[in-house]
């Protein structure tokens, strides 16, 4: 318990608050993790859209005559 009291006395008002990623960047570590989760999910949605688009152009398009090679 002495270590916790010493840490609380050293940090003062910042005791128990979440730390920033960098001192000059006002983003906490949990906000950084949320950003990574959102961008990862967005990347997977983009990949799925690209696959659907590619399948549409490659397989469905020629059956309707959109892409004819002479």
C-alpha atoms as a PDB file:
ATOM      1  CA  UNK A   1       0.000   0.000   0.000  1.00  0.00           C
ATOM      2  CA  UNK A   2       2.954   2.338   0.458  1.00  0.00           C
ATOM      3  CA  UNK A   3       3.699   2.239  -3.287  1.00  0.00           C
ATOM      4  CA  UNK A   4       0.164   3.352  -4.176  1.00  0.00           C
ATOM      5  CA  UNK A   5       0.333   6.255  -1.728  1.00  0.00           C
ATOM      6  CA  UNK A   6       3.709   7.335  -3.100  1.00  0.00           C
ATOM      7  CA  UNK A   7       2.418   7.177  -6.674  1.00  0.00           C
ATOM      8  CA  UNK A   8      -0.683   9.167  -5.724  1.00  0.00           C
ATOM      9  CA  UNK A   9       1.421  11.811  -4.007  1.00  0.00           C
ATOM     10  CA  UNK A  10       3.766  12.029  -7.014  1.00  0.00           C
ATOM     11  CA  UNK A  11       1.071  12.267  -9.683  1.00  0.00           C
ATOM     12  CA  UNK A  12      -1.342  14.472  -7.754  1.00  0.00           C
ATOM     13  CA  UNK A  13      -4.429  15.288  -9.837  1.00  0.00           C
ATOM     14  CA  UNK A  14      -3.320  13.027 -12.691  1.00  0.00           C
ATOM     15  CA  UNK A  15      -3.574   9.933 -10.483  1.00  0.00           C
ATOM     16  CA  UNK A  16      -6.020   7.420 -11.981  1.00  0.00           C
ATOM     17  CA  UNK A  17      -6.384   9.262 -15.279  1.00  0.00           C
ATOM     18  CA  UNK A  18      -5.578   7.568 -18.545  1.00  0.00           C
ATOM     19  CA  UNK A  19      -2.247   8.480 -20.126  1.00  0.00           C
ATOM     20  CA  UNK A  20      -1.881  10.021 -23.577  1.00  0.00           C
ATOM     21  CA  UNK A  21      -0.078   8.224 -26.390  1.00  0.00           C
ATOM     22  CA  UNK A  22       2.367  11.129 -26.732  1.00  0.00           C
ATOM     23  CA  UNK A  23       2.624  14.143 -24.432  1.00  0.00           C
ATOM     24  CA  UNK A  24       1.995  16.549 -27.337  1.00  0.00           C
ATOM     25  CA  UNK A  25      -0.930  14.526 -28.765  1.00  0.00           C
ATOM     26  CA  UNK A  26      -4.236  14.813 -26.849  1.00  0.00           C
ATOM     27  CA  UNK A  27      -5.338  11.251 -27.648  1.00  0.00           C
ATOM     28  CA  UNK A  28      -5.541   8.585 -24.958  1.00  0.00           C
ATOM     29  CA  UNK A  29      -4.477   4.999 -25.440  1.00  0.00           C
ATOM     30  CA  UNK A  30      -8.050   3.699 -25.472  1.00  0.00           C
ATOM     31  CA  UNK A  31      -8.978   6.259 -28.152  1.00  0.00           C
ATOM     32  CA  UNK A  32      -6.013   5.031 -30.195  1.00  0.00           C
ATOM     33  CA  UNK A  33      -7.207   1.446 -29.849  1.00  0.00           C
ATOM     34  CA  UNK A  34     -10.713   2.468 -30.955  1.00  0.00           C
ATOM     35  CA  UNK A  35      -9.221   4.187 -34.012  1.00  0.00           C
ATOM     36  CA  UNK A  36      -7.364   0.998 -34.936  1.00  0.00           C
ATOM     37  CA  UNK A  37     -10.548  -1.064 -34.548  1.00  0.00           C
ATOM     38  CA  UNK A  38     -12.575   1.319 -36.744  1.00  0.00           C
ATOM     39  CA  UNK A  39      -9.938   1.508 -39.469  1.00  0.00           C
ATOM     40  CA  UNK A  40      -9.503  -2.272 -39.485  1.00  0.00           C
ATOM     41  CA  UNK A  41     -13.254  -2.755 -39.841  1.00  0.00           C
ATOM     42  CA  UNK A  42     -13.333  -0.139 -42.612  1.00  0.00           C
ATOM     43  CA  UNK A  43     -10.495  -1.860 -44.444  1.00  0.00           C
ATOM     44  CA  UNK A  44     -12.342  -5.189 -44.393  1.00  0.00           C
ATOM     45  CA  UNK A  45     -15.509  -3.517 -45.673  1.00  0.00           C
ATOM     46  CA  UNK A  46     -13.455  -1.964 -48.478  1.00  0.00           C
ATOM     47  CA  UNK A  47     -11.925  -5.329 -49.368  1.00  0.00           C
ATOM     48  CA  UNK A  48     -15.376  -6.952 -49.465  1.00  0.00           C
ATOM     49  CA  UNK A  49     -16.676  -4.137 -51.693  1.00  0.00           C
ATOM     50  CA  UNK A  50     -13.693  -4.573 -54.021  1.00  0.00           C
ATOM     51  CA  UNK A  51     -14.320  -8.336 -54.313  1.00  0.00           C
ATOM     52  CA  UNK A  52     -18.016  -7.812 -55.061  1.00  0.00           C
ATOM     53  CA  UNK A  53     -17.162  -5.122 -57.619  1.00  0.00           C
ATOM     54  CA  UNK A  54     -14.554  -7.339 -59.265  1.00  0.00           C
ATOM     55  CA  UNK A  55     -16.948 -10.305 -59.436  1.00  0.00           C
ATOM     56  CA  UNK A  56     -19.623  -8.082 -60.953  1.00  0.00           C
ATOM     57  CA  UNK A  57     -17.308  -6.768 -63.651  1.00  0.00           C
ATOM     58  CA  UNK A  58     -15.570 -10.089 -64.328  1.00  0.00           C
ATOM     59  CA  UNK A  59     -18.471 -12.563 -64.214  1.00  0.00           C
ATOM     60  CA  UNK A  60     -21.797 -10.758 -64.497  1.00  0.00           C
ATOM     61  CA  UNK A  61     -20.729  -7.964 -66.858  1.00  0.00           C
ATOM     62  CA  UNK A  62     -19.802 -10.125 -69.856  1.00  0.00           C
ATOM     63  CA  UNK A  63     -23.095 -12.022 -69.727  1.00  0.00           C
ATOM     64  CA  UNK A  64     -24.957  -8.768 -70.384  1.00  0.00           C
ATOM     65  CA  UNK A  65     -22.509  -7.638 -73.050  1.00  0.00           C
ATOM     66  CA  UNK A  66     -20.958  -4.782 -71.069  1.00  0.00           C
ATOM     67  CA  UNK A  67     -17.454  -5.866 -71.892  1.00  0.00           C
ATOM     68  CA  UNK A  68     -17.069  -7.374 -75.292  1.00  0.00           C
ATOM     69  CA  UNK A  69     -13.701  -8.350 -76.663  1.00  0.00           C
ATOM     70  CA  UNK A  70     -13.637  -8.482 -80.470  1.00  0.00           C
END
